[in-house]
C-alpha cells in the first residue's frame, strides 16, 4: 500500500513539473523569438500560458486531493 502512495506522490509531483516546465519554456520561447511576433501576440501568448499553467496545476491539485480523500474514505469504511 505504501508503494502505491509513493507512486501517486511521484505522479503528482510530475504533473506539477509539467505545469512549471510549460510556463518557463513558453516564456523563454517568447524571449528568444520575440522578433517573429508582434507585441500583441506576445502579450496574448504570455497571458494564455500564465492562465493555463496555473489552471492545469489547480486541476491536478483538485484531482489528487479527491483521490487521497477517496482513499481515506475507503480505509474508514473498511475499519467500520
Protein backbone atom coordinates (compact mmCIF):
# COMPACT_ATOMS: atom_id res chain seq x y z
CA UNK A 1 0.00 0.00 0.00
CA UNK A 2 2.82 2.38 0.82
CA UNK A 3 4.38 1.77 -2.58
CA UNK A 4 1.16 2.83 -4.29
CA UNK A 5 1.06 6.01 -2.21
CA UNK A 6 4.68 6.81 -3.11
CA UNK A 7 3.90 6.24 -6.80
CA UNK A 8 0.90 8.58 -6.62
CA UNK A 9 3.00 11.26 -4.93
CA UNK A 10 5.63 10.92 -7.67
CA UNK A 11 2.87 11.19 -10.28
CA UNK A 12 1.52 14.31 -8.60
CA UNK A 13 4.95 15.94 -8.47
CA UNK A 14 5.47 15.04 -12.14
CA UNK A 15 2.19 16.77 -13.05
CA UNK A 16 3.31 19.95 -11.28
CA UNK A 17 6.65 19.69 -13.06
CA UNK A 18 4.82 19.62 -16.39
CA UNK A 19 2.94 22.82 -15.49
CA UNK A 20 6.04 24.71 -14.39
CA UNK A 21 8.11 23.49 -17.34
CA UNK A 22 5.47 24.61 -19.82
CA UNK A 23 5.25 28.04 -18.24
CA UNK A 24 9.02 28.54 -18.18
CA UNK A 25 9.59 27.17 -21.68
CA UNK A 26 6.93 29.43 -23.19
CA UNK A 27 8.44 32.46 -21.51
CA UNK A 28 11.89 31.56 -22.83
CA UNK A 29 10.42 30.93 -26.27
CA UNK A 30 8.90 34.40 -26.42
CA UNK A 31 12.11 35.89 -25.07
CA UNK A 32 14.30 34.32 -27.76
CA UNK A 33 11.84 34.58 -30.68
CA UNK A 34 10.23 37.91 -29.89
CA UNK A 35 11.37 39.27 -33.25
CA UNK A 36 8.92 36.90 -35.00
CA UNK A 37 5.82 38.22 -33.23
CA UNK A 38 4.05 41.49 -32.63
CA UNK A 39 3.80 42.85 -29.10
CA UNK A 40 0.09 41.96 -29.06
CA UNK A 41 0.81 38.33 -29.99
CA UNK A 42 3.46 38.09 -27.29
CA UNK A 43 1.12 39.59 -24.68
CA UNK A 44 -1.61 37.21 -25.76
CA UNK A 45 0.69 34.18 -25.58
CA UNK A 46 2.11 35.13 -22.19
CA UNK A 47 -1.37 35.82 -20.85
CA UNK A 48 -2.59 32.46 -22.10
CA UNK A 49 0.22 30.41 -20.59
CA UNK A 50 0.13 32.44 -17.38
CA UNK A 51 -3.50 31.38 -17.00
CA UNK A 52 -3.28 27.88 -18.47
CA UNK A 53 -0.34 26.57 -16.41
CA UNK A 54 -1.82 27.56 -13.01
CA UNK A 55 -5.23 26.23 -14.13
CA UNK A 56 -3.58 22.92 -15.02
CA UNK A 57 -1.82 22.86 -11.64
CA UNK A 58 -5.12 23.63 -9.87
CA UNK A 59 -6.88 20.80 -11.71
CA UNK A 60 -4.02 18.48 -10.75
CA UNK A 61 -4.27 19.58 -7.11
CA UNK A 62 -8.04 19.00 -7.04
CA UNK A 63 -7.69 15.60 -8.73
CA UNK A 64 -5.11 14.32 -6.26
CA UNK A 65 -6.93 15.83 -3.28
CA UNK A 66 -10.08 13.93 -4.28
CA UNK A 67 -8.06 10.79 -4.93
CA UNK A 68 -6.49 10.92 -1.46
CA UNK A 69 -9.87 11.70 0.14
CA UNK A 70 -11.47 8.72 -1.62
CA UNK A 71 -8.60 6.54 -0.42
CA UNK A 72 -9.08 7.70 3.19
CA UNK A 73 -12.87 7.19 2.96
CA UNK A 74 -12.28 3.64 1.72
CA UNK A 75 -9.95 2.91 4.65
CA UNK A 76 -12.51 4.31 7.11
CA UNK A 77 -15.24 2.10 5.64
CA UNK A 78 -13.01 -0.95 5.98
CA UNK A 79 -12.34 -0.17 9.63
CA UNK A 80 -16.03 0.40 10.44
